[in-house]
Protein backbone atom coordinates (compact mmCIF):
# COMPACT_ATOMS: atom_id res chain seq x y z
CA UNK A 1 15.17 -0.98 -11.88
CA UNK A 2 18.73 -1.90 -11.65
CA UNK A 3 21.11 -2.00 -14.73
CA UNK A 4 21.27 -5.79 -14.42
CA UNK A 5 23.97 -8.21 -15.81
CA UNK A 6 22.49 -11.71 -15.80
CA UNK A 7 25.84 -12.95 -15.33
CA UNK A 8 26.24 -11.48 -12.02
CA UNK A 9 24.59 -12.03 -8.64
CA UNK A 10 23.24 -9.47 -6.30
CA UNK A 11 26.02 -9.74 -3.73
CA UNK A 12 23.62 -9.40 -0.79
CA UNK A 13 21.04 -11.45 1.17
CA UNK A 14 17.80 -10.30 2.13
CA UNK A 15 17.79 -11.38 5.76
CA UNK A 16 21.17 -9.78 6.14
CA UNK A 17 19.89 -6.56 4.93
CA UNK A 18 16.93 -6.69 7.06
CA UNK A 19 19.05 -7.30 10.10
CA UNK A 20 21.38 -4.50 9.26
CA UNK A 21 18.64 -1.89 8.90
CA UNK A 22 18.65 0.79 11.67
CA UNK A 23 15.49 2.42 13.13
CA UNK A 24 14.31 5.00 10.58
CA UNK A 25 15.19 8.71 11.54
CA UNK A 26 14.20 11.89 9.68
CA UNK A 27 17.27 13.71 11.28
CA UNK A 28 19.88 11.02 10.83
CA UNK A 29 21.34 9.24 7.78
CA UNK A 30 23.86 6.75 9.13
CA UNK A 31 26.44 5.32 6.81
CA UNK A 32 25.18 2.11 5.50
CA UNK A 33 27.11 -1.12 6.17
CA UNK A 34 28.33 -2.96 3.20
CA UNK A 35 25.32 -5.30 3.00
CA UNK A 36 22.89 -2.30 3.02
CA UNK A 37 25.11 -0.59 0.48
CA UNK A 38 25.08 -3.58 -1.68
CA UNK A 39 21.20 -3.60 -1.74
CA UNK A 40 20.94 -0.10 -2.40
CA UNK A 41 23.48 -0.38 -5.31
CA UNK A 42 21.71 -3.17 -6.96
CA UNK A 43 18.46 -1.27 -7.26
CA UNK A 44 20.08 2.18 -7.72
CA UNK A 45 18.58 3.45 -4.81
CA UNK A 46 21.36 6.08 -3.76
CA UNK A 47 20.93 9.43 -5.32
CA UNK A 48 24.48 9.22 -6.42
CA UNK A 49 26.04 11.99 -8.56
CA UNK A 50 22.86 12.86 -10.20
CA UNK A 51 21.42 14.39 -7.05
CA UNK A 52 24.56 15.17 -4.80
CA UNK A 53 22.70 17.34 -2.45
CA UNK A 54 20.00 14.61 -1.82
CA UNK A 55 20.23 12.93 1.64
CA UNK A 56 18.74 9.27 1.62
CA UNK A 57 17.13 8.01 5.00
CA UNK A 58 16.68 4.37 5.21
CA UNK A 59 15.32 2.37 8.20
CA UNK A 60 12.59 0.67 9.77
CA UNK A 61 9.47 1.96 11.53
CA UNK A 62 6.95 0.19 13.71
CA UNK A 63 3.52 0.25 12.32
CA UNK A 64 0.61 -2.17 12.81
CA UNK A 65 2.63 -4.78 14.32
CA UNK A 66 5.12 -4.75 11.35
CA UNK A 67 8.62 -3.45 10.84
CA UNK A 68 8.24 -1.25 7.67
CA UNK A 69 11.30 -0.66 5.59
CA UNK A 70 11.11 3.13 4.81
CA UNK A 71 12.98 5.39 2.39
CA UNK A 72 12.93 9.30 2.65
CA UNK A 73 14.92 11.39 -0.02
CA UNK A 74 15.35 14.95 1.15
CA UNK A 75 16.83 17.69 -0.64
CA UNK A 76 17.43 21.34 0.19
CA UNK A 77 14.66 23.83 -0.83
CA UNK A 78 12.13 21.17 -1.87
CA UNK A 79 8.91 22.44 -3.12
CA UNK A 80 6.87 19.57 -1.44
CA UNK A 81 6.96 15.60 -1.06
CA UNK A 82 5.84 12.77 -3.15
CA UNK A 83 4.76 9.70 -1.05
CA UNK A 84 5.01 6.70 -3.46
CA UNK A 85 2.75 3.67 -3.02
CA UNK A 86 4.11 0.40 -4.59
CA UNK A 87 1.88 -2.55 -6.04
CA UNK A 88 1.46 -6.17 -5.10
CA UNK A 89 4.57 -8.16 -5.33
CA UNK A 90 6.51 -4.92 -5.86
CA UNK A 91 8.96 -3.06 -3.36
CA UNK A 92 10.89 0.42 -3.24
CA UNK A 93 13.56 -0.92 -5.31
CA UNK A 94 11.62 -1.19 -8.47
CA UNK A 95 10.62 2.47 -8.28
CA UNK A 96 13.93 4.10 -8.85
CA UNK A 97 12.72 5.77 -12.01
CA UNK A 98 9.69 7.56 -10.36
CA UNK A 99 11.91 8.31 -7.50
CA UNK A 100 14.44 10.11 -9.63
CA UNK A 101 11.86 11.75 -11.77
CA UNK A 102 10.24 13.11 -8.74
CA UNK A 103 13.67 14.38 -7.13
CA UNK A 104 14.33 16.06 -10.64
CA UNK A 105 11.21 18.14 -10.07
CA UNK A 106 12.66 19.34 -6.86
CA UNK A 107 10.53 17.33 -4.60
CA UNK A 108 11.33 15.30 -1.70
CA UNK A 109 10.17 11.44 -1.93
CA UNK A 110 8.99 9.07 0.76
CA UNK A 111 8.33 5.45 -0.16
CA UNK A 112 8.08 2.20 2.09
CA UNK A 113 7.67 -1.50 1.50
CA UNK A 114 4.14 -2.85 2.16
CA UNK A 115 3.89 -5.42 4.77
CA UNK A 116 5.10 -8.74 3.59
CA UNK A 117 6.93 -7.09 0.56
CA UNK A 118 10.49 -6.09 0.05
CA UNK A 119 12.39 -5.51 3.39
CA UNK A 120 9.32 -5.10 5.47
CA UNK A 121 8.31 -7.92 7.86
CA UNK A 122 5.27 -10.09 7.41
CA UNK A 123 4.48 -13.31 5.79
CA UNK A 124 5.38 -12.92 2.00
CA UNK A 125 2.60 -11.16 -0.14
CA UNK A 126 0.20 -11.80 2.77
CA UNK A 127 -2.23 -9.61 4.57
CA UNK A 128 -5.17 -10.32 6.95
CA UNK A 129 -7.16 -7.36 6.06
CA UNK A 130 -6.64 -4.34 3.74
CA UNK A 131 -7.38 -2.28 6.94
CA UNK A 132 -3.67 -3.11 8.10
CA UNK A 133 -2.50 -1.11 5.10
CA UNK A 134 -4.37 1.79 6.39
CA UNK A 135 -2.99 1.56 9.74
CA UNK A 136 0.42 1.40 8.28
CA UNK A 137 -0.24 4.44 6.02
CA UNK A 138 -1.81 6.38 9.14
CA UNK A 139 1.29 5.79 11.06
CA UNK A 140 3.73 6.91 8.28
CA UNK A 141 1.56 10.04 7.78
CA UNK A 142 1.72 10.89 11.54
CA UNK A 143 5.37 10.37 11.84
CA UNK A 144 5.71 12.62 8.82
CA UNK A 145 3.75 15.44 10.04
CA UNK A 146 5.97 18.49 10.91
CA UNK A 147 9.08 16.61 9.34
CA UNK A 148 8.32 16.40 5.89
CA UNK A 149 7.63 19.58 3.77
CA UNK A 150 4.22 20.17 1.93
CA UNK A 151 2.38 20.09 -0.25
CA UNK A 152 2.13 16.29 -0.01
CA UNK A 153 1.19 14.51 -3.24
CA UNK A 154 0.39 10.77 -3.31
CA UNK A 155 1.18 8.63 -6.23
CA UNK A 156 -0.06 4.80 -6.06
CA UNK A 157 0.50 2.16 -8.34
CA UNK A 158 -1.99 -0.61 -8.49
CA UNK A 159 -2.51 -2.03 -4.89
CA UNK A 160 -0.71 1.09 -3.80
CA UNK A 161 -3.64 2.95 -5.71
CA UNK A 162 -6.10 0.83 -3.70
CA UNK A 163 -4.49 1.94 -0.44
CA UNK A 164 -4.98 5.53 -1.37
CA UNK A 165 -8.50 4.92 -2.54
CA UNK A 166 -9.31 3.46 0.85
CA UNK A 167 -7.66 6.44 2.55
CA UNK A 168 -9.44 9.12 0.73
CA UNK A 169 -12.91 7.39 0.95
CA UNK A 170 -12.54 6.95 4.65
CA UNK A 171 -12.14 10.72 4.80
CA UNK A 172 -15.65 11.45 3.18
CA UNK A 173 -16.96 13.27 6.35
CA UNK A 174 -13.89 15.39 6.76
CA UNK A 175 -12.39 16.03 3.12
CA UNK A 176 -10.55 18.97 4.50
CA UNK A 177 -8.37 16.62 6.74
CA UNK A 178 -7.01 14.53 3.83
CA UNK A 179 -3.29 14.86 4.18
CA UNK A 180 -2.63 14.96 0.44
CA UNK A 181 -3.13 17.97 -1.66
CA UNK A 182 -3.09 15.80 -4.68
CA UNK A 183 -3.44 12.13 -5.51
CA UNK A 184 -2.43 10.33 -8.85
CA UNK A 185 -3.36 6.68 -9.20
CA UNK A 186 -1.49 4.56 -11.60
CA UNK A 187 -3.59 1.58 -13.05
CA UNK A 188 -5.42 1.42 -9.57
CA UNK A 189 -6.71 -1.82 -8.25
CA UNK A 190 -10.42 -2.04 -7.50
CA UNK A 191 -11.16 -5.28 -9.12
CA UNK A 192 -8.44 -7.50 -10.84
CA UNK A 193 -9.21 -8.54 -14.34
CA UNK A 194 -11.39 -11.51 -14.44
CA UNK A 195 -12.31 -11.59 -10.86
CA UNK A 196 -15.54 -13.48 -11.41
CA UNK A 197 -13.78 -16.08 -13.58
CA UNK A 198 -12.79 -19.62 -12.77
CA UNK A 199 -9.19 -18.83 -11.83
CA UNK A 200 -10.09 -16.56 -8.89
CA UNK A 201 -13.20 -18.59 -7.92
CA UNK A 202 -10.94 -21.82 -7.84
CA UNK A 203 -8.57 -20.10 -5.52
CA UNK A 204 -11.29 -18.94 -3.23
CA UNK A 205 -12.71 -22.24 -3.07
CA UNK A 206 -9.54 -23.81 -1.90
CA UNK A 207 -9.28 -22.36 1.80
CA UNK A 208 -6.89 -24.98 3.04
CA UNK A 209 -4.05 -23.83 0.72
CA UNK A 210 -2.04 -20.81 2.15
CA UNK A 211 -0.33 -19.91 -1.24
CA UNK A 212 -1.07 -20.16 -4.91
CA UNK A 213 1.92 -20.43 -7.38
CA UNK A 214 2.47 -17.01 -9.17
CA UNK A 215 2.38 -16.89 -12.92
CA UNK A 216 4.59 -14.11 -14.30
CA UNK A 217 2.95 -12.11 -16.98
CA UNK A 218 4.17 -9.47 -19.65
CA UNK A 219 2.74 -6.49 -17.51
CA UNK A 220 5.02 -3.86 -19.10
CA UNK A 221 6.30 -3.41 -22.81
CA UNK A 222 9.80 -3.21 -21.27
CA UNK A 223 11.01 -6.74 -21.85
CA UNK A 224 14.02 -6.20 -19.83
CA UNK A 225 12.00 -5.40 -16.81
CA UNK A 226 9.52 -8.31 -17.25
CA UNK A 227 12.75 -10.66 -17.56
CA UNK A 228 14.24 -9.05 -14.48
CA UNK A 229 11.25 -9.57 -12.30
CA UNK A 230 10.89 -13.34 -13.39
CA UNK A 231 14.62 -14.18 -13.34
CA UNK A 232 16.79 -11.88 -11.43
CA UNK A 233 14.95 -9.90 -8.58
CA UNK A 234 15.94 -11.45 -5.22
CA UNK A 235 12.88 -9.83 -3.57
CA UNK A 236 10.11 -11.33 -5.83
CA UNK A 237 7.82 -13.95 -4.32
CA UNK A 238 7.06 -16.95 -6.36
CA UNK A 239 3.79 -17.31 -4.68
CA UNK A 240 0.61 -15.41 -3.94
CA UNK A 241 -0.74 -15.57 -0.37
CA UNK A 242 -4.38 -16.79 -0.28
CA UNK A 243 -5.12 -14.75 2.67
CA UNK A 244 -4.52 -11.62 0.54
CA UNK A 245 -6.96 -12.68 -2.15
CA UNK A 246 -9.54 -13.21 0.67
CA UNK A 247 -8.76 -9.96 2.10
CA UNK A 248 -9.24 -8.38 -1.42
CA UNK A 249 -12.59 -10.26 -1.78
CA UNK A 250 -13.76 -8.56 1.39
CA UNK A 251 -12.23 -5.18 0.60
CA UNK A 252 -13.92 -4.76 -2.96
CA UNK A 253 -17.73 -4.79 -1.75
CA UNK A 254 -16.65 -2.30 1.16
CA UNK A 255 -15.03 0.11 -1.30
CA UNK A 256 -17.64 -0.18 -4.18
CA UNK A 257 -20.55 0.51 -1.62
CA UNK A 258 -18.73 3.41 -0.04
CA UNK A 259 -20.13 6.83 -0.24
CA UNK A 260 -18.41 9.47 -2.63
CA UNK A 261 -15.90 11.94 -1.28
CA UNK A 262 -15.43 15.49 -2.45
CA UNK A 263 -12.01 15.09 -3.75
CA UNK A 264 -9.95 16.01 -6.95
CA UNK A 265 -8.40 12.80 -8.25
CA UNK A 266 -6.33 11.99 -11.28
CA UNK A 267 -6.01 8.36 -12.81
CA UNK A 268 -3.54 7.14 -15.35
CA UNK A 269 -4.50 4.05 -17.01
CA UNK A 270 -2.94 1.88 -19.79
CA UNK A 271 -5.47 0.53 -22.31
CA UNK A 272 -3.52 -2.70 -22.75
CA UNK A 273 -3.71 -3.49 -18.93
CA UNK A 274 -4.65 -7.16 -18.33
CA UNK A 275 -4.11 -7.13 -14.66
CA UNK A 276 -6.99 -5.08 -13.40
CA UNK A 277 -10.53 -4.70 -14.77
CA UNK A 278 -9.68 -1.17 -15.53
CA UNK A 279 -13.14 -0.15 -17.49
CA UNK A 280 -14.87 -1.37 -14.47
CA UNK A 281 -12.48 0.42 -12.15
CA UNK A 282 -12.83 3.65 -13.85
CA UNK A 283 -16.61 3.35 -13.59
CA UNK A 284 -16.29 2.97 -9.74
CA UNK A 285 -13.92 5.86 -9.32
CA UNK A 286 -16.06 8.32 -11.26
CA UNK A 287 -18.82 7.70 -9.02
CA UNK A 288 -16.73 7.72 -5.67
CA UNK A 289 -14.95 10.98 -6.47
CA UNK A 290 -16.62 14.16 -7.73
CA UNK A 291 -13.86 15.38 -9.94
CA UNK A 292 -11.60 12.83 -11.78
CA UNK A 293 -9.07 13.69 -14.60
CA UNK A 294 -8.19 10.68 -16.69
CA UNK A 295 -4.94 10.14 -18.72
CA UNK A 296 -5.47 7.12 -20.84
CA UNK A 297 -2.41 5.60 -22.48
CA UNK A 298 -3.27 3.47 -25.51
CA UNK A 299 -0.13 1.25 -25.27
CA UNK A 300 0.24 1.01 -21.76
CA UNK A 301 0.19 -2.22 -19.96
CA UNK A 302 -0.20 -2.57 -16.11
CA UNK A 303 3.22 -1.87 -14.42
CA UNK A 304 3.11 1.85 -15.70
CA UNK A 305 5.90 3.08 -13.33
CA UNK A 306 8.35 0.46 -15.20
CA UNK A 307 6.80 0.94 -18.76
CA UNK A 308 9.24 1.10 -21.84
CA UNK A 309 10.03 4.42 -23.61
CA UNK A 310 8.27 6.43 -24.81
CA UNK A 311 5.27 5.13 -22.82
CA UNK A 312 7.08 5.68 -19.45
CA UNK A 313 7.60 9.25 -20.66
CA UNK A 314 3.75 9.60 -21.10
CA UNK A 315 3.26 8.27 -17.60
CA UNK A 316 5.77 10.58 -16.01
CA UNK A 317 4.35 13.65 -18.13
CA UNK A 318 1.01 12.92 -16.52
CA UNK A 319 2.23 12.71 -13.00
CA UNK A 320 4.31 15.78 -13.65
CA UNK A 321 1.25 17.67 -14.73
CA UNK A 322 -0.49 16.68 -11.66
CA UNK A 323 2.40 17.80 -9.48
CA UNK A 324 2.31 21.08 -11.35
CA UNK A 325 -1.41 21.64 -10.55
CA UNK A 326 -0.71 20.93 -6.81
CA UNK A 327 2.30 23.28 -6.71
CA UNK A 328 0.33 26.12 -8.45
CA UNK A 329 -2.57 25.48 -6.12
CA UNK A 330 -0.36 25.83 -3.32
CA UNK A 331 1.12 29.20 -4.58
CA UNK A 332 -2.25 30.66 -5.71
CA UNK A 333 -5.30 28.76 -4.02
CA UNK A 334 -8.30 28.29 -6.28
CA UNK A 335 -6.58 28.62 -9.72
CA UNK A 336 -6.58 24.82 -10.53
CA UNK A 337 -9.29 23.60 -8.10
CA UNK A 338 -11.92 23.13 -10.48
CA UNK A 339 -9.60 22.20 -13.64
CA UNK A 340 -10.67 20.27 -16.66
CA UNK A 341 -12.77 17.09 -15.82
CA UNK A 342 -12.72 14.09 -18.20
């Protein structure tokens, strides 16, 4: 999250930044023009003096009919690569703390804006089917093959976690083909909180509405972050796309009916999360994955990547522990494979 002064303005325009983005390249890091540089500075996306040897690749890739804004942070001698998947309404600019944490562990980082989010194309917050998220993911993984060092670790927040859940379950018949050596889900979405309640049913019973006005909630104990989302983030949508809700309604029974996959999964979950139905979701995930390690954070709310200190430290410690497991497994296969299950 940027160090924001409410008296200032971003100094950049989304459409101008999008128009200035070059095609993405793993080999080239062209000097950004002033508009793109202003966007990067606003969200503190540049590695800066903290990581002077890190190269930041930023551009768009074509995937599933969208132009997907993609960031790749590359450093010499990286131990592996973390792929970060953001949540609904989010974008890469809100994940600078997790990006920097992973860079500090000696890893490369790749993160892209989902369709309809951030700098990616698509109607804001909309998706026709969650399968579109899979097509984008598979395109990114295909482009990354042989260009991004392993092992690969997936970290998904909320809807980003749903993207990873869907991907992993789709690999049930060939778990050895899963691209990620480890996956950490942060407050993952299966069902949202109160999905059977009047609010969601009312939205679903209004098929002629294309959007629903967004209600901002205190989804983090970091009050500055919550205020930034509501008042100062130029990339925040004020509306929820109704076709996303319809796509979610179709996705939930497909995932809940899916057969389990033999895969080692980690989940970090805040017990004060009022955004997803986390107790139900954990029950589902325990059935779908043969091994699940759970890190419960008593004071944690939903937006774990932007929690207040020291809660954020607990989140990062959990992610770090899982990364350490993956790296140890890469060096000495079998050492951590069975691990401690909770």
